[in-house]
C-alpha atoms as a PDB file:
ATOM      1  CA  MET A   1       5.844 -14.055 -23.191  1.00  0.00           C
ATOM      2  CA  ARG A   2       6.603 -10.357 -22.704  1.00  0.00           C
ATOM      3  CA  LEU A   3       3.930  -7.769 -23.508  1.00  0.00           C
ATOM      4  CA  ALA A   4       4.104  -3.975 -23.552  1.00  0.00           C
ATOM      5  CA  PHE A   5       1.701  -1.965 -21.432  1.00  0.00           C
ATOM      6  CA  ASN A   6       0.802   1.638 -20.706  1.00  0.00           C
ATOM      7  CA  THR A   7      -0.768   3.245 -17.680  1.00  0.00           C
ATOM      8  CA  MET A   8      -3.028   6.258 -18.008  1.00  0.00           C
ATOM      9  CA  ASP A   9      -4.937   8.604 -15.715  1.00  0.00           C
ATOM     10  CA  VAL A  10      -8.441   9.164 -17.098  1.00  0.00           C
ATOM     11  CA  PHE A  11     -10.937  11.985 -16.465  1.00  0.00           C
ATOM     12  CA  THR A  12      -8.182  14.345 -15.381  1.00  0.00           C
ATOM     13  CA  ASP A  13      -5.772  16.754 -17.078  1.00  0.00           C
ATOM     14  CA  ARG A  14      -2.910  16.049 -14.669  1.00  0.00           C
ATOM     15  CA  ARG A  15      -1.029  12.965 -13.542  1.00  0.00           C
ATOM     16  CA  PHE A  16      -1.966  11.201 -10.306  1.00  0.00           C
ATOM     17  CA  GLY A  17      -5.569  12.381 -10.477  1.00  0.00           C
ATOM     18  CA  GLY A  18      -8.534  10.754 -12.172  1.00  0.00           C
ATOM     19  CA  ASN A  19      -8.961   6.998 -12.551  1.00  0.00           C
ATOM     20  CA  PRO A  20      -5.828   4.939 -13.323  1.00  0.00           C
ATOM     21  CA  LEU A  21      -6.012   2.528 -16.261  1.00  0.00           C
ATOM     22  CA  GLY A  22      -3.748  -0.247 -17.488  1.00  0.00           C
ATOM     23  CA  VAL A  23      -3.630  -1.049 -21.218  1.00  0.00           C
ATOM     24  CA  VAL A  24      -1.883  -4.266 -22.326  1.00  0.00           C
ATOM     25  CA  HIS A  25      -0.902  -4.428 -26.001  1.00  0.00           C
ATOM     26  CA  ASP A  26      -0.922  -7.430 -28.389  1.00  0.00           C
ATOM     27  CA  ALA A  27      -2.910  -9.572 -25.972  1.00  0.00           C
ATOM     28  CA  GLU A  28      -4.319 -12.092 -28.457  1.00  0.00           C
ATOM     29  CA  GLY A  29      -2.081 -14.875 -27.077  1.00  0.00           C
ATOM     30  CA  LEU A  30      -3.480 -14.604 -23.556  1.00  0.00           C
ATOM     31  CA  THR A  31      -6.105 -16.880 -22.038  1.00  0.00           C
ATOM     32  CA  ASP A  32      -9.060 -15.583 -20.060  1.00  0.00           C
ATOM     33  CA  ALA A  33      -7.385 -16.728 -16.839  1.00  0.00           C
ATOM     34  CA  GLN A  34      -4.142 -14.928 -17.719  1.00  0.00           C
ATOM     35  CA  MET A  35      -6.009 -11.695 -18.427  1.00  0.00           C
ATOM     36  CA  GLN A  36      -7.796 -11.948 -15.087  1.00  0.00           C
ATOM     37  CA  ASN A  37      -4.505 -12.630 -13.290  1.00  0.00           C
ATOM     38  CA  ILE A  38      -2.856  -9.601 -14.914  1.00  0.00           C
ATOM     39  CA  ALA A  39      -5.804  -7.387 -13.975  1.00  0.00           C
ATOM     40  CA  ARG A  40      -5.529  -8.653 -10.410  1.00  0.00           C
ATOM     41  CA  GLU A  41      -1.778  -7.965 -10.463  1.00  0.00           C
ATOM     42  CA  PHE A  42      -2.266  -4.367 -11.655  1.00  0.00           C
ATOM     43  CA  ASN A  43      -5.112  -4.035  -9.099  1.00  0.00           C
ATOM     44  CA  LEU A  44      -6.623  -1.021 -10.855  1.00  0.00           C
ATOM     45  CA  SER A  45     -10.348  -0.438 -11.294  1.00  0.00           C
ATOM     46  CA  GLU A  46      -9.985  -1.816 -14.830  1.00  0.00           C
ATOM     47  CA  THR A  47      -7.294  -3.174 -17.127  1.00  0.00           C
ATOM     48  CA  VAL A  48      -7.759  -3.260 -20.913  1.00  0.00           C
ATOM     49  CA  PHE A  49      -6.376  -5.934 -23.242  1.00  0.00           C
ATOM     50  CA  LEU A  50      -5.908  -4.877 -26.874  1.00  0.00           C
ATOM     51  CA  LEU A  51      -6.718  -7.444 -29.582  1.00  0.00           C
ATOM     52  CA  PRO A  52      -7.016  -7.274 -33.388  1.00  0.00           C
ATOM     53  CA  PRO A  53     -10.477  -6.062 -34.441  1.00  0.00           C
ATOM     54  CA  VAL A  54     -12.967  -8.471 -35.964  1.00  0.00           C
ATOM     55  CA  ASN A  55     -13.913  -5.726 -38.427  1.00  0.00           C
ATOM     56  CA  PRO A  56     -10.733  -4.391 -40.044  1.00  0.00           C
ATOM     57  CA  ALA A  57     -12.369  -0.957 -40.357  1.00  0.00           C
ATOM     58  CA  HIS A  58     -12.368  -0.685 -36.556  1.00  0.00           C
ATOM     59  CA  SER A  59      -9.430   0.368 -34.407  1.00  0.00           C
ATOM     60  CA  ALA A  60      -9.188  -2.580 -32.002  1.00  0.00           C
ATOM     61  CA  ARG A  61     -11.089  -5.198 -30.067  1.00  0.00           C
ATOM     62  CA  VAL A  62     -10.795  -4.723 -26.323  1.00  0.00           C
ATOM     63  CA  ARG A  63     -11.521  -6.830 -23.288  1.00  0.00           C
ATOM     64  CA  ILE A  64     -11.964  -5.115 -19.943  1.00  0.00           C
ATOM     65  CA  PHE A  65     -11.266  -6.717 -16.558  1.00  0.00           C
ATOM     66  CA  THR A  66     -11.638  -5.484 -13.003  1.00  0.00           C
ATOM     67  CA  PRO A  67      -9.511  -7.305 -10.401  1.00  0.00           C
ATOM     68  CA  ALA A  68     -12.421  -9.732  -9.971  1.00  0.00           C
ATOM     69  CA  LYS A  69     -14.375 -10.036 -13.249  1.00  0.00           C
ATOM     70  CA  GLU A  70     -14.706  -9.137 -16.939  1.00  0.00           C
ATOM     71  CA  LEU A  71     -17.042  -6.313 -17.994  1.00  0.00           C
ATOM     72  CA  PRO A  72     -18.829  -5.978 -21.365  1.00  0.00           C
ATOM     73  CA  PHE A  73     -18.387  -2.190 -21.295  1.00  0.00           C
ATOM     74  CA  ALA A  74     -16.756   0.452 -19.111  1.00  0.00           C
ATOM     75  CA  GLY A  75     -16.378   4.179 -19.583  1.00  0.00           C
ATOM     76  CA  HIS A  76     -12.927   5.112 -18.310  1.00  0.00           C
ATOM     77  CA  PRO A  77     -11.226   2.175 -20.132  1.00  0.00           C
ATOM     78  CA  THR A  78     -12.954   3.208 -23.370  1.00  0.00           C
ATOM     79  CA  VAL A  79     -12.010   6.882 -23.056  1.00  0.00           C
ATOM     80  CA  GLY A  80      -8.440   6.098 -21.964  1.00  0.00           C
ATOM     81  CA  THR A  81      -7.775   3.441 -24.602  1.00  0.00           C
ATOM     82  CA  ALA A  82      -9.131   5.636 -27.413  1.00  0.00           C
ATOM     83  CA  ALA A  83      -6.912   8.529 -26.302  1.00  0.00           C
ATOM     84  CA  LEU A  84      -3.864   6.252 -26.233  1.00  0.00           C
ATOM     85  CA  LEU A  85      -4.539   4.820 -29.713  1.00  0.00           C
ATOM     86  CA  ALA A  86      -5.072   8.316 -31.123  1.00  0.00           C
ATOM     87  CA  GLU A  87      -1.821   9.541 -29.580  1.00  0.00           C
ATOM     88  CA  MET A  88       0.017   6.564 -31.076  1.00  0.00           C
ATOM     89  CA  LYS A  89      -1.577   7.271 -34.469  1.00  0.00           C
ATOM     90  CA  PHE A  90      -0.433  10.903 -34.404  1.00  0.00           C
ATOM     91  CA  ALA A  91       2.981  10.219 -32.822  1.00  0.00           C
ATOM     92  CA  GLY A  92       5.609  12.548 -34.219  1.00  0.00           C
ATOM     93  CA  THR A  93       3.191  15.200 -35.449  1.00  0.00           C
ATOM     94  CA  THR A  94       3.197  18.658 -33.860  1.00  0.00           C
ATOM     95  CA  GLY A  95      -0.140  20.170 -34.891  1.00  0.00           C
ATOM     96  CA  ASN A  96      -3.720  19.689 -33.802  1.00  0.00           C
ATOM     97  CA  GLY A  97      -5.219  16.260 -34.346  1.00  0.00           C
ATOM     98  CA  GLU A  98      -8.727  14.797 -34.546  1.00  0.00           C
ATOM     99  CA  ALA A  99      -9.393  11.061 -34.609  1.00  0.00           C
ATOM    100  CA  LEU A 100     -12.376   8.722 -34.608  1.00  0.00           C
ATOM    101  CA  ILE A 101     -11.540   5.526 -32.741  1.00  0.00           C
ATOM    102  CA  VAL A 102     -13.913   2.546 -32.860  1.00  0.00           C
ATOM    103  CA  LEU A 103     -13.440  -0.069 -30.147  1.00  0.00           C
ATOM    104  CA  GLU A 104     -15.153  -3.460 -30.300  1.00  0.00           C
ATOM    105  CA  GLN A 105     -16.425  -4.465 -26.845  1.00  0.00           C
ATOM    106  CA  GLY A 106     -18.728  -7.081 -25.382  1.00  0.00           C
ATOM    107  CA  ILE A 107     -21.622  -4.638 -25.718  1.00  0.00           C
ATOM    108  CA  GLY A 108     -20.768  -3.877 -29.379  1.00  0.00           C
ATOM    109  CA  PRO A 109     -18.640  -1.288 -31.219  1.00  0.00           C
ATOM    110  CA  ILE A 110     -18.115   2.026 -29.393  1.00  0.00           C
ATOM    111  CA  ARG A 111     -17.326   5.249 -31.294  1.00  0.00           C
ATOM    112  CA  VAL A 112     -14.964   7.670 -29.569  1.00  0.00           C
ATOM    113  CA  GLY A 113     -14.000  11.105 -30.844  1.00  0.00           C
ATOM    114  CA  VAL A 114     -10.525  12.223 -29.758  1.00  0.00           C
ATOM    115  CA  ARG A 115      -9.086  15.740 -29.765  1.00  0.00           C
ATOM    116  CA  LEU A 116      -5.329  16.299 -29.500  1.00  0.00           C
ATOM    117  CA  ARG A 117      -3.806  19.723 -28.888  1.00  0.00           C
ATOM    118  CA  PRO A 118      -0.075  20.412 -28.424  1.00  0.00           C
ATOM    119  CA  GLY A 119       0.795  20.996 -24.782  1.00  0.00           C
ATOM    120  CA  LEU A 120      -2.650  19.984 -23.516  1.00  0.00           C
ATOM    121  CA  ALA A 121      -4.086  16.736 -22.173  1.00  0.00           C
ATOM    122  CA  THR A 122      -5.879  14.644 -24.799  1.00  0.00           C
ATOM    123  CA  PHE A 123      -9.691  14.818 -24.679  1.00  0.00           C
ATOM    124  CA  ALA A 124     -11.853  11.841 -25.680  1.00  0.00           C
ATOM    125  CA  GLU A 125     -15.644  11.532 -25.804  1.00  0.00           C
ATOM    126  CA  LEU A 126     -17.681   8.388 -26.455  1.00  0.00           C
ATOM    127  CA  ASP A 127     -21.171   7.879 -27.814  1.00  0.00           C
ATOM    128  CA  ALA A 128     -23.085   5.698 -25.368  1.00  0.00           C
ATOM    129  CA  PRO A 129     -23.713   2.300 -26.977  1.00  0.00           C
ATOM    130  CA  ARG A 130     -27.158   2.000 -25.404  1.00  0.00           C
ATOM    131  CA  ALA A 131     -29.725   4.323 -23.919  1.00  0.00           C
ATOM    132  CA  PRO A 132     -30.063   3.947 -20.144  1.00  0.00           C
ATOM    133  CA  ILE A 133     -33.156   2.099 -18.987  1.00  0.00           C
ATOM    134  CA  GLU A 134     -34.653   1.354 -15.595  1.00  0.00           C
ATOM    135  CA  ALA A 135     -33.410  -2.027 -14.416  1.00  0.00           C
ATOM    136  CA  GLY A 136     -35.425  -3.421 -11.546  1.00  0.00           C
ATOM    137  CA  ALA A 137     -36.352  -2.366  -8.051  1.00  0.00           C
ATOM    138  CA  LEU A 138     -34.184  -1.637  -5.014  1.00  0.00           C
ATOM    139  CA  PRO A 139     -34.811  -2.546  -1.358  1.00  0.00           C
ATOM    140  CA  PRO A 140     -36.419  -0.032   1.024  1.00  0.00           C
ATOM    141  CA  VAL A 141     -34.475   3.076   1.998  1.00  0.00           C
ATOM    142  CA  ASP A 142     -33.617   1.802   5.486  1.00  0.00           C
ATOM    143  CA  ILE A 143     -31.845  -1.247   4.009  1.00  0.00           C
ATOM    144  CA  LEU A 144     -29.972   0.892   1.463  1.00  0.00           C
ATOM    145  CA  ALA A 145     -28.914   3.348   4.147  1.00  0.00           C
ATOM    146  CA  ALA A 146     -27.636   0.551   6.384  1.00  0.00           C
ATOM    147  CA  GLY A 147     -25.505  -0.833   3.548  1.00  0.00           C
ATOM    148  CA  LEU A 148     -23.832   2.573   3.206  1.00  0.00           C
ATOM    149  CA  GLY A 149     -23.452   3.395   6.892  1.00  0.00           C
ATOM    150  CA  LEU A 150     -25.976   6.248   6.638  1.00  0.00           C
ATOM    151  CA  ILE A 151     -29.343   6.974   8.220  1.00  0.00           C
ATOM    152  CA  PRO A 152     -32.531   6.791   6.121  1.00  0.00           C
ATOM    153  CA  SER A 153     -33.217  10.543   6.338  1.00  0.00           C
ATOM    154  CA  GLU A 154     -29.922  11.188   4.485  1.00  0.00           C
ATOM    155  CA  ILE A 155     -31.152   9.269   1.427  1.00  0.00           C
ATOM    156  CA  GLY A 156     -32.983  11.396  -1.135  1.00  0.00           C
ATOM    157  CA  PHE A 157     -33.303  15.079  -1.960  1.00  0.00           C
ATOM    158  CA  GLU A 158     -35.900  17.142  -3.836  1.00  0.00           C
ATOM    159  CA  ASN A 159     -37.836  14.564  -5.893  1.00  0.00           C
ATOM    160  CA  HIS A 160     -34.820  12.257  -6.344  1.00  0.00           C
ATOM    161  CA  ARG A 161     -35.159   8.785  -4.863  1.00  0.00           C
ATOM    162  CA  PRO A 162     -33.107   5.557  -5.200  1.00  0.00           C
ATOM    163  CA  VAL A 163     -33.460   3.786  -8.554  1.00  0.00           C
ATOM    164  CA  CYS A 164     -31.602   1.207 -10.614  1.00  0.00           C
ATOM    165  CA  TYR A 165     -30.571   1.988 -14.204  1.00  0.00           C
ATOM    166  CA  ALA A 166     -28.543   0.066 -16.778  1.00  0.00           C
ATOM    167  CA  ALA A 167     -26.809   0.757 -20.086  1.00  0.00           C
ATOM    168  CA  GLY A 168     -24.753  -2.411 -20.414  1.00  0.00           C
ATOM    169  CA  ASN A 169     -23.853  -2.371 -16.711  1.00  0.00           C
ATOM    170  CA  ALA A 170     -26.479  -1.863 -13.996  1.00  0.00           C
ATOM    171  CA  PHE A 171     -25.996   0.436 -10.998  1.00  0.00           C
ATOM    172  CA  ALA A 172     -28.017   1.472  -7.973  1.00  0.00           C
ATOM    173  CA  PHE A 173     -28.323   5.268  -7.927  1.00  0.00           C
ATOM    174  CA  ILE A 174     -28.588   6.664  -4.430  1.00  0.00           C
ATOM    175  CA  PRO A 175     -29.300  10.396  -3.981  1.00  0.00           C
ATOM    176  CA  VAL A 176     -27.698  11.730  -0.792  1.00  0.00           C
ATOM    177  CA  SER A 177     -28.951  14.905   0.820  1.00  0.00           C
ATOM    178  CA  THR A 178     -25.651  16.615   1.682  1.00  0.00           C
ATOM    179  CA  ARG A 179     -21.964  16.642   0.843  1.00  0.00           C
ATOM    180  CA  GLU A 180     -21.185  15.909   4.501  1.00  0.00           C
ATOM    181  CA  ALA A 181     -23.310  12.758   4.428  1.00  0.00           C
ATOM    182  CA  ILE A 182     -21.897  11.471   1.140  1.00  0.00           C
ATOM    183  CA  GLY A 183     -18.413  11.973   2.593  1.00  0.00           C
ATOM    184  CA  ARG A 184     -19.290   9.651   5.504  1.00  0.00           C
ATOM    185  CA  ALA A 185     -20.713   6.905   3.301  1.00  0.00           C
ATOM    186  CA  ARG A 186     -18.834   3.595   3.165  1.00  0.00           C
ATOM    187  CA  VAL A 187     -19.251  -0.074   2.357  1.00  0.00           C
ATOM    188  CA  ASN A 188     -20.877  -1.305   5.551  1.00  0.00           C
ATOM    189  CA  ALA A 189     -19.971  -4.968   5.130  1.00  0.00           C
ATOM    190  CA  PRO A 190     -22.510  -6.585   7.505  1.00  0.00           C
ATOM    191  CA  HIS A 191     -25.397  -4.845   5.709  1.00  0.00           C
ATOM    192  CA  TRP A 192     -24.034  -4.570   2.148  1.00  0.00           C
ATOM    193  CA  ALA A 193     -25.356  -7.853   0.725  1.00  0.00           C
ATOM    194  CA  PRO A 194     -29.096  -7.317   1.326  1.00  0.00           C
ATOM    195  CA  ALA A 195     -28.809  -3.715   0.128  1.00  0.00           C
ATOM    196  CA  PHE A 196     -26.796  -4.224  -3.066  1.00  0.00           C
ATOM    197  CA  GLN A 197     -25.132  -7.613  -3.584  1.00  0.00           C
ATOM    198  CA  GLU A 198     -28.392  -9.458  -4.117  1.00  0.00           C
ATOM    199  CA  GLN A 199     -29.613  -6.979  -6.776  1.00  0.00           C
ATOM    200  CA  GLY A 200     -27.325  -8.138  -9.626  1.00  0.00           C
ATOM    201  CA  ILE A 201     -25.732  -4.704 -10.043  1.00  0.00           C
ATOM    202  CA  VAL A 202     -22.119  -3.626 -10.519  1.00  0.00           C
ATOM    203  CA  GLY A 203     -22.196  -1.197  -7.604  1.00  0.00           C
ATOM    204  CA  ALA A 204     -23.829   1.674  -5.758  1.00  0.00           C
ATOM    205  CA  TYR A 205     -23.487   5.173  -7.229  1.00  0.00           C
ATOM    206  CA  LEU A 206     -24.082   7.936  -4.704  1.00  0.00           C
ATOM    207  CA  TYR A 207     -24.667  11.526  -5.779  1.00  0.00           C
ATOM    208  CA  THR A 208     -25.536  14.946  -4.373  1.00  0.00           C
ATOM    209  CA  ARG A 209     -25.909  18.429  -5.821  1.00  0.00           C
ATOM    210  CA  GLN A 210     -23.543  19.879  -3.204  1.00  0.00           C
ATOM    211  CA  CYS A 211     -20.177  20.039  -4.999  1.00  0.00           C
ATOM    212  CA  GLU A 212     -16.547  20.928  -4.373  1.00  0.00           C
ATOM    213  CA  HIS A 213     -16.338  23.026  -7.547  1.00  0.00           C
ATOM    214  CA  LYS A 214     -18.870  25.601  -8.689  1.00  0.00           C
ATOM    215  CA  SER A 215     -18.563  24.368 -12.283  1.00  0.00           C
ATOM    216  CA  SER A 216     -19.700  20.857 -11.248  1.00  0.00           C
ATOM    217  CA  SER A 217     -23.335  19.785 -11.364  1.00  0.00           C
ATOM    218  CA  PHE A 218     -23.083  16.687  -9.146  1.00  0.00           C
ATOM    219  CA  HIS A 219     -20.643  15.218  -6.648  1.00  0.00           C
ATOM    220  CA  ALA A 220     -20.505  11.408  -6.821  1.00  0.00           C
ATOM    221  CA  ARG A 221     -18.986   8.325  -5.242  1.00  0.00           C
ATOM    222  CA  MET A 222     -19.201   4.716  -6.486  1.00  0.00           C
ATOM    223  CA  PHE A 223     -18.683   1.547  -4.429  1.00  0.00           C
ATOM    224  CA  ALA A 224     -18.334  -1.848  -6.152  1.00  0.00           C
ATOM    225  CA  PRO A 225     -16.744  -4.320  -3.707  1.00  0.00           C
ATOM    226  CA  ASP A 226     -18.242  -7.328  -5.492  1.00  0.00           C
ATOM    227  CA  ALA A 227     -16.279  -6.334  -8.624  1.00  0.00           C
ATOM    228  CA  GLY A 228     -13.078  -6.026  -6.598  1.00  0.00           C
ATOM    229  CA  VAL A 229     -13.314  -2.217  -6.470  1.00  0.00           C
ATOM    230  CA  THR A 230     -14.058  -0.926  -2.980  1.00  0.00           C
ATOM    231  CA  GLU A 231     -14.363   2.618  -4.362  1.00  0.00           C
ATOM    232  CA  ASP A 232     -13.881   3.921  -7.895  1.00  0.00           C
ATOM    233  CA  PRO A 233     -12.294   7.338  -8.605  1.00  0.00           C
ATOM    234  CA  ALA A 234     -14.405   7.888 -11.754  1.00  0.00           C
ATOM    235  CA  THR A 235     -17.082   5.677 -13.296  1.00  0.00           C
ATOM    236  CA  GLY A 236     -17.912   6.390 -16.917  1.00  0.00           C
ATOM    237  CA  SER A 237     -20.405   3.575 -17.482  1.00  0.00           C
ATOM    238  CA  ALA A 238     -22.341   4.718 -14.406  1.00  0.00           C
ATOM    239  CA  ALA A 239     -22.322   8.283 -15.771  1.00  0.00           C
ATOM    240  CA  VAL A 240     -24.016   6.961 -18.926  1.00  0.00           C
ATOM    241  CA  CYS A 241     -26.752   5.384 -16.778  1.00  0.00           C
ATOM    242  CA  PHE A 242     -26.929   8.526 -14.637  1.00  0.00           C
ATOM    243  CA  ALA A 243     -28.159  10.407 -17.711  1.00  0.00           C
ATOM    244  CA  GLY A 244     -31.371   8.407 -17.399  1.00  0.00           C
ATOM    245  CA  VAL A 245     -31.664   9.349 -13.730  1.00  0.00           C
ATOM    246  CA  ILE A 246     -31.160  13.059 -14.483  1.00  0.00           C
ATOM    247  CA  ASP A 247     -33.677  12.983 -17.313  1.00  0.00           C
ATOM    248  CA  ARG A 248     -36.219  11.207 -15.130  1.00  0.00           C
ATOM    249  CA  PHE A 249     -36.076  13.407 -12.047  1.00  0.00           C
ATOM    250  CA  ASP A 250     -34.997  16.793 -13.436  1.00  0.00           C
ATOM    251  CA  ASP A 251     -37.634  16.814 -16.206  1.00  0.00           C
ATOM    252  CA  LEU A 252     -35.286  18.144 -18.891  1.00  0.00           C
ATOM    253  CA  PRO A 253     -36.813  20.068 -21.819  1.00  0.00           C
ATOM    254  CA  ASP A 254     -35.971  19.196 -25.412  1.00  0.00           C
ATOM    255  CA  GLY A 255     -32.440  20.164 -26.413  1.00  0.00           C
ATOM    256  CA  THR A 256     -28.838  19.447 -25.496  1.00  0.00           C
ATOM    257  CA  HIS A 257     -27.879  19.553 -21.828  1.00  0.00           C
ATOM    258  CA  ARG A 258     -24.359  19.486 -20.391  1.00  0.00           C
ATOM    259  CA  ARG A 259     -23.450  18.405 -16.885  1.00  0.00           C
ATOM    260  CA  THR A 260     -20.110  17.954 -15.120  1.00  0.00           C
ATOM    261  CA  ILE A 261     -19.756  15.176 -12.558  1.00  0.00           C
ATOM    262  CA  GLU A 262     -16.971  15.370  -9.984  1.00  0.00           C
ATOM    263  CA  GLN A 263     -15.854  12.130  -8.344  1.00  0.00           C
ATOM    264  CA  GLY A 264     -12.856  10.654  -6.527  1.00  0.00           C
ATOM    265  CA  PHE A 265     -12.293  13.580  -4.145  1.00  0.00           C
ATOM    266  CA  GLU A 266     -12.620  11.426  -1.022  1.00  0.00           C
ATOM    267  CA  MET A 267      -9.872   9.181  -2.473  1.00  0.00           C
ATOM    268  CA  GLY A 268      -7.471  12.024  -3.254  1.00  0.00           C
ATOM    269  CA  ARG A 269      -7.955  11.444  -7.005  1.00  0.00           C
ATOM    270  CA  PRO A 270     -10.162  14.295  -8.285  1.00  0.00           C
ATOM    271  CA  SER A 271     -11.958  13.376 -11.494  1.00  0.00           C
ATOM    272  CA  PHE A 272     -14.253  15.297 -13.834  1.00  0.00           C
ATOM    273  CA  ILE A 273     -16.614  13.586 -16.266  1.00  0.00           C
ATOM    274  CA  SER A 274     -18.323  15.580 -18.998  1.00  0.00           C
ATOM    275  CA  LEU A 275     -21.872  14.327 -19.568  1.00  0.00           C
ATOM    276  CA  VAL A 276     -23.968  15.446 -22.552  1.00  0.00           C
ATOM    277  CA  LEU A 277     -27.659  14.541 -22.807  1.00  0.00           C
ATOM    278  CA  HIS A 278     -29.786  15.083 -25.899  1.00  0.00           C
ATOM    279  CA  VAL A 279     -33.544  15.157 -25.313  1.00  0.00           C
ATOM    280  CA  ASP A 280     -35.986  15.146 -28.226  1.00  0.00           C
ATOM    281  CA  GLY A 281     -39.746  14.758 -28.011  1.00  0.00           C
ATOM    282  CA  GLN A 282     -39.438  14.560 -24.217  1.00  0.00           C
ATOM    283  CA  LYS A 283     -37.303  11.422 -24.619  1.00  0.00           C
ATOM    284  CA  LEU A 284     -33.607  10.905 -23.928  1.00  0.00           C
ATOM    285  CA  GLU A 285     -32.255  10.182 -27.410  1.00  0.00           C
ATOM    286  CA  GLY A 286     -28.491  10.389 -26.968  1.00  0.00           C
ATOM    287  CA  VAL A 287     -25.774  10.352 -24.302  1.00  0.00           C
ATOM    288  CA  ARG A 288     -22.083  11.171 -24.539  1.00  0.00           C
ATOM    289  CA  ILE A 289     -19.436  11.100 -21.834  1.00  0.00           C
ATOM    290  CA  GLY A 290     -15.905  12.398 -22.070  1.00  0.00           C
ATOM    291  CA  GLY A 291     -12.869  13.679 -20.276  1.00  0.00           C
ATOM    292  CA  HIS A 292      -9.163  14.354 -20.430  1.00  0.00           C
ATOM    293  CA  VAL A 293      -6.498  11.648 -20.372  1.00  0.00           C
ATOM    294  CA  VAL A 294      -2.787  11.771 -19.497  1.00  0.00           C
ATOM    295  CA  ARG A 295      -0.162   9.068 -19.939  1.00  0.00           C
ATOM    296  CA  VAL A 296       1.689   8.093 -16.778  1.00  0.00           C
ATOM    297  CA  GLY A 297       3.905   5.077 -17.484  1.00  0.00           C
ATOM    298  CA  GLU A 298       4.899   2.296 -19.814  1.00  0.00           C
ATOM    299  CA  GLY A 299       6.740  -0.982 -19.497  1.00  0.00           C
ATOM    300  CA  MET A 300       6.799  -4.718 -20.139  1.00  0.00           C
ATOM    301  CA  ILE A 301       4.985  -7.448 -18.275  1.00  0.00           C
ATOM    302  CA  GLU A 302       6.221 -11.035 -18.293  1.00  0.00           C
ATOM    303  CA  ILE A 303       3.662 -13.828 -18.469  1.00  0.00           C
END
């Protein structure tokens, strides 16, 4: 069996930045084990497998694998796959294009708006399938700090403290006081399990207000060694959950709020995630995340 695939860089407007993504076409003949093996072979944060949709009105059914496990939902695969399908739909046209792509995932159908402009990187933005909710308690700060190779006084700033939120996938959100400290953070293997592995989360999402770019609101890093991803250049599903963290600690007034998250700088893969929060009646009612996508490669894989 030979299947076509594409590779994309997501949450960036230039190649070799952002978060790489593999997309395998016509994957309905593959077994679960074969999909996992291909994802391990690509060894990217996630690999998407395109299948015919259950609902013919939708664009595709997708399955998403890290090198170690399948995920019910992930942000950068959703944004990247929608951009690719929209580009394929408008192939050969030269003007502006707008598309609504609906992707069936384990969490349910995801709506993605895509904007194509000649000479510019494609932009795609998804509507979060679920509102972020608090998802359990985390260990004390000293245990969390040990798991990240930091000292307890470097955890927390202003009124922000470690919390766990989920919107399909659960993450530990760890506020870090300075950019210097977040740059030193790492997966401290001897202390990782009691801090994060035993909590049933995808990974640890670290953030600080001290940013590389003035236009950014937060600088972030995400470690998920138990999912086969030591560090992720950009984490869309965590950004969806992060909306709940921002709303909780920053006490947002009613209205629409836009934030830019920068991530991947320590890996040499700068990424920028657009996060939009809609607050109504002092409640977070809607979340969107988006970013630019560029195609990098294409080829055939033999099974």
